Amino acid sequence: MFTLDEIKKKLMYFCIVVLCFGIIIYGLRDGDHFVGLNETSDILDCVFYASITFSGSGYAEIYPQTEIGKVILLVLSVVKILIIILPLEKLEGEFFEVADTKITLEDVNEIIEDLDKINT
C-alpha cells in the first residue's frame, strides 16, 4: 500500500508538472498553437488546460493546432504515464492477489443451484 509520504510525493509531482506545462502553454498562447487560447488567456486558463489534459479527461474547447502544441501535449502524456501509470505495478500483488484460488465448473453450477433455490 502507498504511504502518506508517497502520496504527498505524487501530489507534489502532479503540481510541479501541471504548473510547468501551464507556464509553457501560457508562453505559447499568442502563436495560435492552441485553439481556444489567445493573448487574453491568463495563466489560470493555461494551468487549468494542462491539469485537465494531465488527468486524461481532455477539454474540447481548447486543443493543439500546431506541431509544437501537439508535441507539448504528447510530452505531458508521457510524463503522466511515468508518474501515474507505472507505480500501479506496485499494487499488483496487493490488490489483485488471488493466490491458489481456483473455481471449477462444479463450483459455478453449485452457486447457480443455490441462487435458483433462493429465487423459488
PDB file of N, CA and C in Angstrom:
ATOM      1  N   MET A   1       0.842  -1.178   0.000  1.00  0.00           N
ATOM      2  CA  MET A   1       0.000   0.000   0.000  1.00  0.00           C
ATOM      3  C   MET A   1       0.885   1.238   0.000  1.00  0.00           C
ATOM      4  N   PHE A   2       0.361   2.330  -0.503  1.00  0.00           N
ATOM      5  CA  PHE A   2       1.114   3.570  -0.525  1.00  0.00           C
ATOM      6  C   PHE A   2       1.121   4.214   0.849  1.00  0.00           C
ATOM      7  N   THR A   3       2.252   4.775   1.209  1.00  0.00           N
ATOM      8  CA  THR A   3       2.343   5.509   2.462  1.00  0.00           C
ATOM      9  C   THR A   3       1.931   6.956   2.223  1.00  0.00           C
ATOM     10  N   LEU A   4       1.704   7.679   3.308  1.00  0.00           N
ATOM     11  CA  LEU A   4       1.322   9.079   3.200  1.00  0.00           C
ATOM     12  C   LEU A   4       2.419   9.889   2.522  1.00  0.00           C
ATOM     13  N   ASP A   5       3.676   9.556   2.805  1.00  0.00           N
ATOM     14  CA  ASP A   5       4.790  10.262   2.168  1.00  0.00           C
ATOM     15  C   ASP A   5       4.817  10.037   0.659  1.00  0.00           C
ATOM     16  N   GLU A   6       4.519   8.814   0.209  1.00  0.00           N
ATOM     17  CA  GLU A   6       4.487   8.538  -1.225  1.00  0.00           C
ATOM     18  C   GLU A   6       3.339   9.288  -1.904  1.00  0.00           C
ATOM     19  N   ILE A   7       2.198   9.387  -1.227  1.00  0.00           N
ATOM     20  CA  ILE A   7       1.066  10.126  -1.785  1.00  0.00           C
ATOM     21  C   ILE A   7       1.401  11.608  -1.892  1.00  0.00           C
ATOM     22  N   LYS A   8       2.041  12.156  -0.859  1.00  0.00           N
ATOM     23  CA  LYS A   8       2.462  13.562  -0.893  1.00  0.00           C
ATOM     24  C   LYS A   8       3.445  13.800  -2.032  1.00  0.00           C
ATOM     25  N   LYS A   9       4.349  12.853  -2.234  1.00  0.00           N
ATOM     26  CA  LYS A   9       5.343  12.964  -3.293  1.00  0.00           C
ATOM     27  C   LYS A   9       4.669  12.972  -4.666  1.00  0.00           C
ATOM     28  N   LYS A  10       3.698  12.087  -4.881  1.00  0.00           N
ATOM     29  CA  LYS A  10       2.970  12.036  -6.153  1.00  0.00           C
ATOM     30  C   LYS A  10       2.186  13.327  -6.374  1.00  0.00           C
ATOM     31  N   LEU A  11       1.554  13.837  -5.327  1.00  0.00           N
ATOM     32  CA  LEU A  11       0.804  15.079  -5.448  1.00  0.00           C
ATOM     33  C   LEU A  11       1.735  16.239  -5.784  1.00  0.00           C
ATOM     34  N   MET A  12       2.913  16.237  -5.197  1.00  0.00           N
ATOM     35  CA  MET A  12       3.888  17.282  -5.485  1.00  0.00           C
ATOM     36  C   MET A  12       4.353  17.188  -6.943  1.00  0.00           C
ATOM     37  N   TYR A  13       4.606  15.963  -7.436  1.00  0.00           N
ATOM     38  CA  TYR A  13       4.977  15.773  -8.839  1.00  0.00           C
ATOM     39  C   TYR A  13       3.872  16.305  -9.753  1.00  0.00           C
ATOM     40  N   PHE A  14       2.634  15.964  -9.424  1.00  0.00           N
ATOM     41  CA  PHE A  14       1.500  16.416 -10.229  1.00  0.00           C
ATOM     42  C   PHE A  14       1.466  17.940 -10.296  1.00  0.00           C
ATOM     43  N   CYS A  15       1.571  18.588  -9.154  1.00  0.00           N
ATOM     44  CA  CYS A  15       1.508  20.054  -9.115  1.00  0.00           C
ATOM     45  C   CYS A  15       2.650  20.687  -9.904  1.00  0.00           C
ATOM     46  N   ILE A  16       3.847  20.155  -9.747  1.00  0.00           N
ATOM     47  CA  ILE A  16       5.006  20.714 -10.445  1.00  0.00           C
ATOM     48  C   ILE A  16       4.851  20.542 -11.957  1.00  0.00           C
ATOM     49  N   VAL A  17       4.451  19.349 -12.389  1.00  0.00           N
ATOM     50  CA  VAL A  17       4.296  19.082 -13.825  1.00  0.00           C
ATOM     51  C   VAL A  17       3.207  19.970 -14.413  1.00  0.00           C
ATOM     52  N   VAL A  18       2.068  20.071 -13.742  1.00  0.00           N
ATOM     53  CA  VAL A  18       0.968  20.886 -14.254  1.00  0.00           C
ATOM     54  C   VAL A  18       1.370  22.354 -14.306  1.00  0.00           C
ATOM     55  N   LEU A  19       2.047  22.849 -13.280  1.00  0.00           N
ATOM     56  CA  LEU A  19       2.496  24.243 -13.292  1.00  0.00           C
ATOM     57  C   LEU A  19       3.504  24.497 -14.407  1.00  0.00           C
ATOM     58  N   CYS A  20       4.465  23.609 -14.565  1.00  0.00           N
ATOM     59  CA  CYS A  20       5.476  23.784 -15.618  1.00  0.00           C
ATOM     60  C   CYS A  20       4.836  23.803 -17.002  1.00  0.00           C
ATOM     61  N   PHE A  21       3.959  22.823 -17.270  1.00  0.00           N
ATOM     62  CA  PHE A  21       3.322  22.786 -18.583  1.00  0.00           C
ATOM     63  C   PHE A  21       2.332  23.936 -18.749  1.00  0.00           C
ATOM     64  N   GLY A  22       1.683  24.352 -17.671  1.00  0.00           N
ATOM     65  CA  GLY A  22       0.813  25.521 -17.746  1.00  0.00           C
ATOM     66  C   GLY A  22       1.588  26.769 -18.143  1.00  0.00           C
ATOM     67  N   ILE A  23       2.789  26.929 -17.584  1.00  0.00           N
ATOM     68  CA  ILE A  23       3.642  28.069 -17.925  1.00  0.00           C
ATOM     69  C   ILE A  23       4.108  27.983 -19.376  1.00  0.00           C
ATOM     70  N   ILE A  24       4.471  26.771 -19.825  1.00  0.00           N
ATOM     71  CA  ILE A  24       4.885  26.591 -21.222  1.00  0.00           C
ATOM     72  C   ILE A  24       3.726  26.941 -22.164  1.00  0.00           C
ATOM     73  N   ILE A  25       2.539  26.451 -21.850  1.00  0.00           N
ATOM     74  CA  ILE A  25       1.366  26.738 -22.681  1.00  0.00           C
ATOM     75  C   ILE A  25       1.044  28.232 -22.636  1.00  0.00           C
ATOM     76  N   TYR A  26       1.212  28.855 -21.473  1.00  0.00           N
ATOM     77  CA  TYR A  26       0.986  30.300 -21.334  1.00  0.00           C
ATOM     78  C   TYR A  26       1.921  31.082 -22.252  1.00  0.00           C
ATOM     79  N   GLY A  27       3.159  30.642 -22.353  1.00  0.00           N
ATOM     80  CA  GLY A  27       4.121  31.301 -23.228  1.00  0.00           C
ATOM     81  C   GLY A  27       3.792  31.141 -24.705  1.00  0.00           C
ATOM     82  N   LEU A  28       3.087  30.083 -25.055  1.00  0.00           N
ATOM     83  CA  LEU A  28       2.761  29.801 -26.457  1.00  0.00           C
ATOM     84  C   LEU A  28       1.353  30.224 -26.856  1.00  0.00           C
ATOM     85  N   ARG A  29       0.599  30.831 -25.961  1.00  0.00           N
ATOM     86  CA  ARG A  29      -0.798  31.135 -26.248  1.00  0.00           C
ATOM     87  C   ARG A  29      -0.970  32.166 -27.363  1.00  0.00           C
ATOM     88  N   ASP A  30       0.039  33.010 -27.584  1.00  0.00           N
ATOM     89  CA  ASP A  30      -0.067  34.056 -28.602  1.00  0.00           C
ATOM     90  C   ASP A  30       0.076  33.525 -30.027  1.00  0.00           C
ATOM     91  N   GLY A  31       0.746  32.417 -30.220  1.00  0.00           N
ATOM     92  CA  GLY A  31       1.084  31.961 -31.566  1.00  0.00           C
ATOM     93  C   GLY A  31       0.075  31.047 -32.218  1.00  0.00           C
ATOM     94  N   ASP A  32      -1.155  31.044 -31.757  1.00  0.00           N
ATOM     95  CA  ASP A  32      -2.195  30.172 -32.322  1.00  0.00           C
ATOM     96  C   ASP A  32      -1.802  28.700 -32.281  1.00  0.00           C
ATOM     97  N   HIS A  33      -1.022  28.328 -31.253  1.00  0.00           N
ATOM     98  CA  HIS A  33      -0.656  26.919 -31.102  1.00  0.00           C
ATOM     99  C   HIS A  33      -1.813  26.102 -30.546  1.00  0.00           C
ATOM    100  N   PHE A  34      -2.690  26.757 -29.789  1.00  0.00           N
ATOM    101  CA  PHE A  34      -3.833  26.081 -29.179  1.00  0.00           C
ATOM    102  C   PHE A  34      -5.106  26.840 -29.530  1.00  0.00           C
ATOM    103  N   VAL A  35      -6.032  26.154 -30.176  1.00  0.00           N
ATOM    104  CA  VAL A  35      -7.328  26.762 -30.468  1.00  0.00           C
ATOM    105  C   VAL A  35      -8.053  26.930 -29.131  1.00  0.00           C
ATOM    106  N   GLY A  36      -8.568  28.111 -28.875  1.00  0.00           N
ATOM    107  CA  GLY A  36      -9.279  28.376 -27.629  1.00  0.00           C
ATOM    108  C   GLY A  36      -8.462  29.184 -26.636  1.00  0.00           C
ATOM    109  N   LEU A  37      -7.150  29.234 -26.832  1.00  0.00           N
ATOM    110  CA  LEU A  37      -6.285  30.076 -26.005  1.00  0.00           C
ATOM    111  C   LEU A  37      -5.731  31.183 -26.887  1.00  0.00           C
ATOM    112  N   ASN A  38      -5.686  32.400 -26.376  1.00  0.00           N
ATOM    113  CA  ASN A  38      -5.124  33.517 -27.130  1.00  0.00           C
ATOM    114  C   ASN A  38      -4.441  34.477 -26.169  1.00  0.00           C
ATOM    115  N   GLU A  39      -4.062  35.646 -26.659  1.00  0.00           N
ATOM    116  CA  GLU A  39      -3.311  36.586 -25.827  1.00  0.00           C
ATOM    117  C   GLU A  39      -4.113  37.091 -24.628  1.00  0.00           C
ATOM    118  N   THR A  40      -5.446  36.948 -24.650  1.00  0.00           N
ATOM    119  CA  THR A  40      -6.242  37.372 -23.492  1.00  0.00           C
ATOM    120  C   THR A  40      -6.351  36.285 -22.428  1.00  0.00           C
ATOM    121  N   SER A  41      -5.915  35.065 -22.732  1.00  0.00           N
ATOM    122  CA  SER A  41      -5.954  33.975 -21.751  1.00  0.00           C
ATOM    123  C   SER A  41      -4.926  34.228 -20.661  1.00  0.00           C
ATOM    124  N   ASP A  42      -5.340  34.006 -19.417  1.00  0.00           N
ATOM    125  CA  ASP A  42      -4.402  34.215 -18.316  1.00  0.00           C
ATOM    126  C   ASP A  42      -3.732  32.897 -17.931  1.00  0.00           C
ATOM    127  N   ILE A  43      -2.841  32.972 -16.962  1.00  0.00           N
ATOM    128  CA  ILE A  43      -2.070  31.794 -16.535  1.00  0.00           C
ATOM    129  C   ILE A  43      -2.990  30.715 -15.964  1.00  0.00           C
ATOM    130  N   LEU A  44      -4.075  31.133 -15.309  1.00  0.00           N
ATOM    131  CA  LEU A  44      -5.008  30.167 -14.737  1.00  0.00           C
ATOM    132  C   LEU A  44      -5.668  29.325 -15.828  1.00  0.00           C
ATOM    133  N   ASP A  45      -6.024  29.945 -16.956  1.00  0.00           N
ATOM    134  CA  ASP A  45      -6.587  29.192 -18.084  1.00  0.00           C
ATOM    135  C   ASP A  45      -5.611  28.135 -18.581  1.00  0.00           C
ATOM    136  N   CYS A  46      -4.346  28.508 -18.663  1.00  0.00           N
ATOM    137  CA  CYS A  46      -3.323  27.591 -19.180  1.00  0.00           C
ATOM    138  C   CYS A  46      -3.028  26.459 -18.202  1.00  0.00           C
ATOM    139  N   VAL A  47      -2.964  26.777 -16.919  1.00  0.00           N
ATOM    140  CA  VAL A  47      -2.740  25.730 -15.912  1.00  0.00           C
ATOM    141  C   VAL A  47      -3.957  24.806 -15.847  1.00  0.00           C
ATOM    142  N   PHE A  48      -5.153  25.380 -15.951  1.00  0.00           N
ATOM    143  CA  PHE A  48      -6.370  24.565 -15.988  1.00  0.00           C
ATOM    144  C   PHE A  48      -6.332  23.598 -17.164  1.00  0.00           C
ATOM    145  N   TYR A  49      -5.963  24.089 -18.332  1.00  0.00           N
ATOM    146  CA  TYR A  49      -5.890  23.235 -19.516  1.00  0.00           C
ATOM    147  C   TYR A  49      -4.851  22.123 -19.317  1.00  0.00           C
ATOM    148  N   ALA A  50      -3.705  22.465 -18.753  1.00  0.00           N
ATOM    149  CA  ALA A  50      -2.671  21.454 -18.512  1.00  0.00           C
ATOM    150  C   ALA A  50      -3.159  20.394 -17.525  1.00  0.00           C
ATOM    151  N   SER A  51      -3.864  20.804 -16.481  1.00  0.00           N
ATOM    152  CA  SER A  51      -4.332  19.830 -15.490  1.00  0.00           C
ATOM    153  C   SER A  51      -5.426  18.930 -16.059  1.00  0.00           C
ATOM    154  N   ILE A  52      -6.310  19.492 -16.873  1.00  0.00           N
ATOM    155  CA  ILE A  52      -7.364  18.681 -17.492  1.00  0.00           C
ATOM    156  C   ILE A  52      -6.750  17.686 -18.474  1.00  0.00           C
ATOM    157  N   THR A  53      -5.770  18.128 -19.225  1.00  0.00           N
ATOM    158  CA  THR A  53      -5.083  17.229 -20.156  1.00  0.00           C
ATOM    159  C   THR A  53      -4.330  16.148 -19.389  1.00  0.00           C
ATOM    160  N   PHE A  54      -3.675  16.532 -18.287  1.00  0.00           N
ATOM    161  CA  PHE A  54      -2.910  15.582 -17.480  1.00  0.00           C
ATOM    162  C   PHE A  54      -3.819  14.518 -16.881  1.00  0.00           C
ATOM    163  N   SER A  55      -5.021  14.921 -16.481  1.00  0.00           N
ATOM    164  CA  SER A  55      -5.937  13.962 -15.863  1.00  0.00           C
ATOM    165  C   SER A  55      -6.486  12.957 -16.868  1.00  0.00           C
ATOM    166  N   GLY A  56      -6.407  13.297 -18.144  1.00  0.00           N
ATOM    167  CA  GLY A  56      -6.860  12.362 -19.165  1.00  0.00           C
ATOM    168  C   GLY A  56      -8.262  12.628 -19.653  1.00  0.00           C
ATOM    169  N   SER A  57      -8.967  13.547 -19.027  1.00  0.00           N
ATOM    170  CA  SER A  57     -10.345  13.790 -19.451  1.00  0.00           C
ATOM    171  C   SER A  57     -10.427  14.695 -20.668  1.00  0.00           C
ATOM    172  N   GLY A  58      -9.453  15.567 -20.851  1.00  0.00           N
ATOM    173  CA  GLY A  58      -9.430  16.442 -22.010  1.00  0.00           C
ATOM    174  C   GLY A  58     -10.375  17.621 -21.858  1.00  0.00           C
ATOM    175  N   TYR A  59     -10.264  18.565 -22.764  1.00  0.00           N
ATOM    176  CA  TYR A  59     -11.090  19.760 -22.746  1.00  0.00           C
ATOM    177  C   TYR A  59     -11.356  20.126 -24.193  1.00  0.00           C
ATOM    178  N   ALA A  60     -12.593  19.980 -24.647  1.00  0.00           N
ATOM    179  CA  ALA A  60     -12.910  20.065 -26.071  1.00  0.00           C
ATOM    180  C   ALA A  60     -12.756  21.459 -26.666  1.00  0.00           C
ATOM    181  N   GLU A  61     -12.934  22.517 -25.868  1.00  0.00           N
ATOM    182  CA  GLU A  61     -12.861  23.861 -26.427  1.00  0.00           C
ATOM    183  C   GLU A  61     -11.433  24.329 -26.686  1.00  0.00           C
ATOM    184  N   ILE A  62     -10.463  23.665 -26.072  1.00  0.00           N
ATOM    185  CA  ILE A  62      -9.066  24.027 -26.268  1.00  0.00           C
ATOM    186  C   ILE A  62      -8.339  22.782 -26.755  1.00  0.00           C
ATOM    187  N   TYR A  63      -7.639  22.897 -27.856  1.00  0.00           N
ATOM    188  CA  TYR A  63      -6.887  21.757 -28.374  1.00  0.00           C
ATOM    189  C   TYR A  63      -5.707  22.274 -29.188  1.00  0.00           C
ATOM    190  N   PRO A  64      -4.658  21.446 -29.332  1.00  0.00           N
ATOM    191  CA  PRO A  64      -3.472  21.899 -30.059  1.00  0.00           C
ATOM    192  C   PRO A  64      -3.749  22.032 -31.553  1.00  0.00           C
ATOM    193  N   GLN A  65      -3.200  23.100 -32.140  1.00  0.00           N
ATOM    194  CA  GLN A  65      -3.399  23.337 -33.569  1.00  0.00           C
ATOM    195  C   GLN A  65      -2.108  23.168 -34.358  1.00  0.00           C
ATOM    196  N   THR A  66      -0.967  23.499 -33.761  1.00  0.00           N
ATOM    197  CA  THR A  66       0.305  23.416 -34.468  1.00  0.00           C
ATOM    198  C   THR A  66       1.089  22.205 -33.989  1.00  0.00           C
ATOM    199  N   GLU A  67       2.174  21.946 -34.684  1.00  0.00           N
ATOM    200  CA  GLU A  67       3.027  20.809 -34.328  1.00  0.00           C
ATOM    201  C   GLU A  67       3.624  20.969 -32.933  1.00  0.00           C
ATOM    202  N   ILE A  68       4.055  22.176 -32.587  1.00  0.00           N
ATOM    203  CA  ILE A  68       4.666  22.375 -31.271  1.00  0.00           C
ATOM    204  C   ILE A  68       3.632  22.172 -30.163  1.00  0.00           C
ATOM    205  N   GLY A  69       2.395  22.578 -30.397  1.00  0.00           N
ATOM    206  CA  GLY A  69       1.338  22.345 -29.412  1.00  0.00           C
ATOM    207  C   GLY A  69       1.077  20.867 -29.216  1.00  0.00           C
ATOM    208  N   LYS A  70       1.089  20.116 -30.314  1.00  0.00           N
ATOM    209  CA  LYS A  70       0.878  18.670 -30.231  1.00  0.00           C
ATOM    210  C   LYS A  70       2.034  17.978 -29.511  1.00  0.00           C
ATOM    211  N   VAL A  71       3.255  18.435 -29.771  1.00  0.00           N
ATOM    212  CA  VAL A  71       4.428  17.846 -29.104  1.00  0.00           C
ATOM    213  C   VAL A  71       4.376  18.099 -27.605  1.00  0.00           C
ATOM    214  N   ILE A  72       3.990  19.309 -27.213  1.00  0.00           N
ATOM    215  CA  ILE A  72       3.912  19.632 -25.782  1.00  0.00           C
ATOM    216  C   ILE A  72       2.907  18.714 -25.090  1.00  0.00           C
ATOM    217  N   LEU A  73       1.749  18.509 -25.693  1.00  0.00           N
ATOM    218  CA  LEU A  73       0.753  17.627 -25.079  1.00  0.00           C
ATOM    219  C   LEU A  73       1.184  16.169 -25.116  1.00  0.00           C
ATOM    220  N   LEU A  74       1.931  15.779 -26.127  1.00  0.00           N
ATOM    221  CA  LEU A  74       2.459  14.424 -26.181  1.00  0.00           C
ATOM    222  C   LEU A  74       3.453  14.193 -25.039  1.00  0.00           C
ATOM    223  N   VAL A  75       4.338  15.153 -24.809  1.00  0.00           N
ATOM    224  CA  VAL A  75       5.295  15.044 -23.703  1.00  0.00           C
ATOM    225  C   VAL A  75       4.547  15.006 -22.374  1.00  0.00           C
ATOM    226  N   LEU A  76       3.512  15.830 -22.223  1.00  0.00           N
ATOM    227  CA  LEU A  76       2.719  15.826 -20.999  1.00  0.00           C
ATOM    228  C   LEU A  76       2.078  14.461 -20.772  1.00  0.00           C
ATOM    229  N   SER A  77       1.608  13.828 -21.838  1.00  0.00           N
ATOM    230  CA  SER A  77       1.009  12.496 -21.711  1.00  0.00           C
ATOM    231  C   SER A  77       2.031  11.451 -21.284  1.00  0.00           C
ATOM    232  N   VAL A  78       3.238  11.534 -21.814  1.00  0.00           N
ATOM    233  CA  VAL A  78       4.294  10.591 -21.427  1.00  0.00           C
ATOM    234  C   VAL A  78       4.670  10.791 -19.957  1.00  0.00           C
ATOM    235  N   VAL A  79       4.765  12.029 -19.522  1.00  0.00           N
ATOM    236  CA  VAL A  79       5.069  12.316 -18.115  1.00  0.00           C
ATOM    237  C   VAL A  79       3.963  11.764 -17.225  1.00  0.00           C
ATOM    238  N   LYS A  80       2.722  11.907 -17.671  1.00  0.00           N
ATOM    239  CA  LYS A  80       1.598  11.362 -16.908  1.00  0.00           C
ATOM    240  C   LYS A  80       1.743   9.854 -16.739  1.00  0.00           C
ATOM    241  N   ILE A  81       2.131   9.181 -17.788  1.00  0.00           N
ATOM    242  CA  ILE A  81       2.314   7.731 -17.706  1.00  0.00           C
ATOM    243  C   ILE A  81       3.392   7.390 -16.690  1.00  0.00           C
ATOM    244  N   LEU A  82       4.483   8.140 -16.704  1.00  0.00           N
ATOM    245  CA  LEU A  82       5.579   7.861 -15.781  1.00  0.00           C
ATOM    246  C   LEU A  82       5.182   8.119 -14.335  1.00  0.00           C
ATOM    247  N   ILE A  83       4.370   9.132 -14.095  1.00  0.00           N
ATOM    248  CA  ILE A  83       4.010   9.484 -12.723  1.00  0.00           C
ATOM    249  C   ILE A  83       2.843   8.656 -12.197  1.00  0.00           C
ATOM    250  N   ILE A  84       1.845   8.409 -13.032  1.00  0.00           N
ATOM    251  CA  ILE A  84       0.622   7.761 -12.553  1.00  0.00           C
ATOM    252  C   ILE A  84       0.567   6.274 -12.873  1.00  0.00           C
ATOM    253  N   ILE A  85       0.798   5.916 -14.100  1.00  0.00           N
ATOM    254  CA  ILE A  85       0.546   4.545 -14.539  1.00  0.00           C
ATOM    255  C   ILE A  85       1.596   3.557 -14.037  1.00  0.00           C
ATOM    256  N   LEU A  86       2.865   3.891 -14.172  1.00  0.00           N
ATOM    257  CA  LEU A  86       3.907   2.933 -13.797  1.00  0.00           C
ATOM    258  C   LEU A  86       3.873   2.516 -12.326  1.00  0.00           C
ATOM    259  N   PRO A  87       3.593   3.413 -11.379  1.00  0.00           N
ATOM    260  CA  PRO A  87       3.522   2.961  -9.979  1.00  0.00           C
ATOM    261  C   PRO A  87       2.406   1.969  -9.703  1.00  0.00           C
ATOM    262  N   LEU A  88       1.453   1.821 -10.612  1.00  0.00           N
ATOM    263  CA  LEU A  88       0.394   0.838 -10.404  1.00  0.00           C
ATOM    264  C   LEU A  88       0.942  -0.587 -10.377  1.00  0.00           C
ATOM    265  N   GLU A  89       2.112  -0.793 -10.965  1.00  0.00           N
ATOM    266  CA  GLU A  89       2.742  -2.110 -10.901  1.00  0.00           C
ATOM    267  C   GLU A  89       3.009  -2.503  -9.454  1.00  0.00           C
ATOM    268  N   LYS A  90       3.219  -1.519  -8.604  1.00  0.00           N
ATOM    269  CA  LYS A  90       3.467  -1.774  -7.185  1.00  0.00           C
ATOM    270  C   LYS A  90       2.241  -2.376  -6.512  1.00  0.00           C
ATOM    271  N   LEU A  91       1.064  -2.048  -7.023  1.00  0.00           N
ATOM    272  CA  LEU A  91      -0.179  -2.547  -6.441  1.00  0.00           C
ATOM    273  C   LEU A  91      -0.527  -3.956  -6.887  1.00  0.00           C
ATOM    274  N   GLU A  92       0.196  -4.466  -7.855  1.00  0.00           N
ATOM    275  CA  GLU A  92      -0.139  -5.758  -8.456  1.00  0.00           C
ATOM    276  C   GLU A  92      -0.352  -6.842  -7.413  1.00  0.00           C
ATOM    277  N   GLY A  93       0.568  -6.998  -6.512  1.00  0.00           N
ATOM    278  CA  GLY A  93       0.463  -8.060  -5.527  1.00  0.00           C
ATOM    279  C   GLY A  93      -0.459  -7.744  -4.374  1.00  0.00           C
ATOM    280  N   GLU A  94      -0.778  -6.476  -4.167  1.00  0.00           N
ATOM    281  CA  GLU A  94      -1.567  -6.099  -3.007  1.00  0.00           C
ATOM    282  C   GLU A  94      -3.070  -6.172  -3.240  1.00  0.00           C
ATOM    283  N   PHE A  95      -3.537  -5.753  -4.396  1.00  0.00           N
ATOM    284  CA  PHE A  95      -4.969  -5.716  -4.638  1.00  0.00           C
ATOM    285  C   PHE A  95      -5.472  -6.860  -5.501  1.00  0.00           C
ATOM    286  N   PHE A  96      -4.613  -7.421  -6.313  1.00  0.00           N
ATOM    287  CA  PHE A  96      -5.060  -8.429  -7.249  1.00  0.00           C
ATOM    288  C   PHE A  96      -4.554  -9.821  -6.871  1.00  0.00           C
ATOM    289  N   GLU A  97      -4.366 -10.037  -5.598  1.00  0.00           N
ATOM    290  CA  GLU A  97      -3.831 -11.307  -5.152  1.00  0.00           C
ATOM    291  C   GLU A  97      -4.954 -12.325  -4.984  1.00  0.00           C
ATOM    292  N   VAL A  98      -4.925 -13.325  -5.806  1.00  0.00           N
ATOM    293  CA  VAL A  98      -5.893 -14.403  -5.735  1.00  0.00           C
ATOM    294  C   VAL A  98      -5.096 -15.709  -5.775  1.00  0.00           C
ATOM    295  N   ALA A  99      -4.106 -15.776  -4.941  1.00  0.00           N
ATOM    296  CA  ALA A  99      -3.168 -16.893  -4.986  1.00  0.00           C
ATOM    297  C   ALA A  99      -3.860 -18.215  -4.651  1.00  0.00           C
ATOM    298  N   ASP A 100      -3.604 -19.184  -5.480  1.00  0.00           N
ATOM    299  CA  ASP A 100      -4.083 -20.552  -5.293  1.00  0.00           C
ATOM    300  C   ASP A 100      -5.598 -20.663  -5.185  1.00  0.00           C
ATOM    301  N   THR A 101      -6.327 -19.778  -5.777  1.00  0.00           N
ATOM    302  CA  THR A 101      -7.783 -19.849  -5.789  1.00  0.00           C
ATOM    303  C   THR A 101      -8.210 -20.295  -7.171  1.00  0.00           C
ATOM    304  N   LYS A 102      -8.886 -21.429  -7.206  1.00  0.00           N
ATOM    305  CA  LYS A 102      -9.344 -21.959  -8.487  1.00  0.00           C
ATOM    306  C   LYS A 102     -10.837 -22.228  -8.389  1.00  0.00           C
ATOM    307  N   ILE A 103     -11.573 -21.773  -9.376  1.00  0.00           N
ATOM    308  CA  ILE A 103     -13.010 -22.019  -9.426  1.00  0.00           C
ATOM    309  C   ILE A 103     -13.257 -23.029 -10.531  1.00  0.00           C
ATOM    310  N   THR A 104     -13.923 -24.087 -10.183  1.00  0.00           N
ATOM    311  CA  THR A 104     -14.221 -25.129 -11.157  1.00  0.00           C
ATOM    312  C   THR A 104     -15.645 -24.961 -11.676  1.00  0.00           C
ATOM    313  N   LEU A 105     -15.966 -25.710 -12.698  1.00  0.00           N
ATOM    314  CA  LEU A 105     -17.310 -25.686 -13.263  1.00  0.00           C
ATOM    315  C   LEU A 105     -18.335 -26.188 -12.250  1.00  0.00           C
ATOM    316  N   GLU A 106     -17.929 -27.141 -11.424  1.00  0.00           N
ATOM    317  CA  GLU A 106     -18.829 -27.658 -10.390  1.00  0.00           C
ATOM    318  C   GLU A 106     -19.165 -26.564  -9.374  1.00  0.00           C
ATOM    319  N   ASP A 107     -18.178 -25.718  -9.051  1.00  0.00           N
ATOM    320  CA  ASP A 107     -18.424 -24.616  -8.131  1.00  0.00           C
ATOM    321  C   ASP A 107     -19.438 -23.638  -8.708  1.00  0.00           C
ATOM    322  N   VAL A 108     -19.307 -23.348  -9.989  1.00  0.00           N
ATOM    323  CA  VAL A 108     -20.231 -22.432 -10.650  1.00  0.00           C
ATOM    324  C   VAL A 108     -21.635 -23.023 -10.673  1.00  0.00           C
ATOM    325  N   ASN A 109     -21.748 -24.304 -11.000  1.00  0.00           N
ATOM    326  CA  ASN A 109     -23.058 -24.965 -11.020  1.00  0.00           C
ATOM    327  C   ASN A 109     -23.693 -24.967  -9.641  1.00  0.00           C
ATOM    328  N   GLU A 110     -22.902 -25.171  -8.627  1.00  0.00           N
ATOM    329  CA  GLU A 110     -23.405 -25.169  -7.255  1.00  0.00           C
ATOM    330  C   GLU A 110     -23.937 -23.786  -6.867  1.00  0.00           C
ATOM    331  N   ILE A 111     -23.243 -22.767  -7.260  1.00  0.00           N
ATOM    332  CA  ILE A 111     -23.688 -21.397  -6.967  1.00  0.00           C
ATOM    333  C   ILE A 111     -24.995 -21.105  -7.702  1.00  0.00           C
ATOM    334  N   ILE A 112     -25.090 -21.523  -8.951  1.00  0.00           N
ATOM    335  CA  ILE A 112     -26.314 -21.310  -9.732  1.00  0.00           C
ATOM    336  C   ILE A 112     -27.485 -22.035  -9.087  1.00  0.00           C
ATOM    337  N   GLU A 113     -27.268 -23.260  -8.637  1.00  0.00           N
ATOM    338  CA  GLU A 113     -28.333 -24.020  -7.975  1.00  0.00           C
ATOM    339  C   GLU A 113     -28.766 -23.333  -6.686  1.00  0.00           C
ATOM    340  N   ASP A 114     -27.810 -22.823  -5.913  1.00  0.00           N
ATOM    341  CA  ASP A 114     -28.141 -22.116  -4.676  1.00  0.00           C
ATOM    342  C   ASP A 114     -28.961 -20.867  -4.972  1.00  0.00           C
ATOM    343  N   LEU A 115     -28.603 -20.151  -6.027  1.00  0.00           N
ATOM    344  CA  LEU A 115     -29.359 -18.954  -6.416  1.00  0.00           C
ATOM    345  C   LEU A 115     -30.768 -19.309  -6.875  1.00  0.00           C
ATOM    346  N   ASP A 116     -30.901 -20.421  -7.593  1.00  0.00           N
ATOM    347  CA  ASP A 116     -32.230 -20.871  -8.035  1.00  0.00           C
ATOM    348  C   ASP A 116     -33.106 -21.208  -6.845  1.00  0.00           C
ATOM    349  N   LYS A 117     -32.528 -21.839  -5.808  1.00  0.00           N
ATOM    350  CA  LYS A 117     -33.285 -22.181  -4.599  1.00  0.00           C
ATOM    351  C   LYS A 117     -33.759 -20.927  -3.872  1.00  0.00           C
ATOM    352  N   ILE A 118     -32.918 -19.903  -3.873  1.00  0.00           N
ATOM    353  CA  ILE A 118     -33.275 -18.654  -3.215  1.00  0.00           C
ATOM    354  C   ILE A 118     -34.409 -17.963  -3.951  1.00  0.00           C
ATOM    355  N   ASN A 119     -34.375 -17.985  -5.273  1.00  0.00           N
ATOM    356  CA  ASN A 119     -35.376 -17.290  -6.091  1.00  0.00           C
ATOM    357  C   ASN A 119     -36.714 -18.004  -6.128  1.00  0.00           C
ATOM    358  N   THR A 120     -36.749 -19.303  -5.801  1.00  0.00           N
ATOM    359  CA  THR A 120     -38.021 -20.028  -5.862  1.00  0.00           C
ATOM    360  C   THR A 120     -38.647 -20.196  -4.522  1.00  0.00           C
TER     361      THR A 120
END
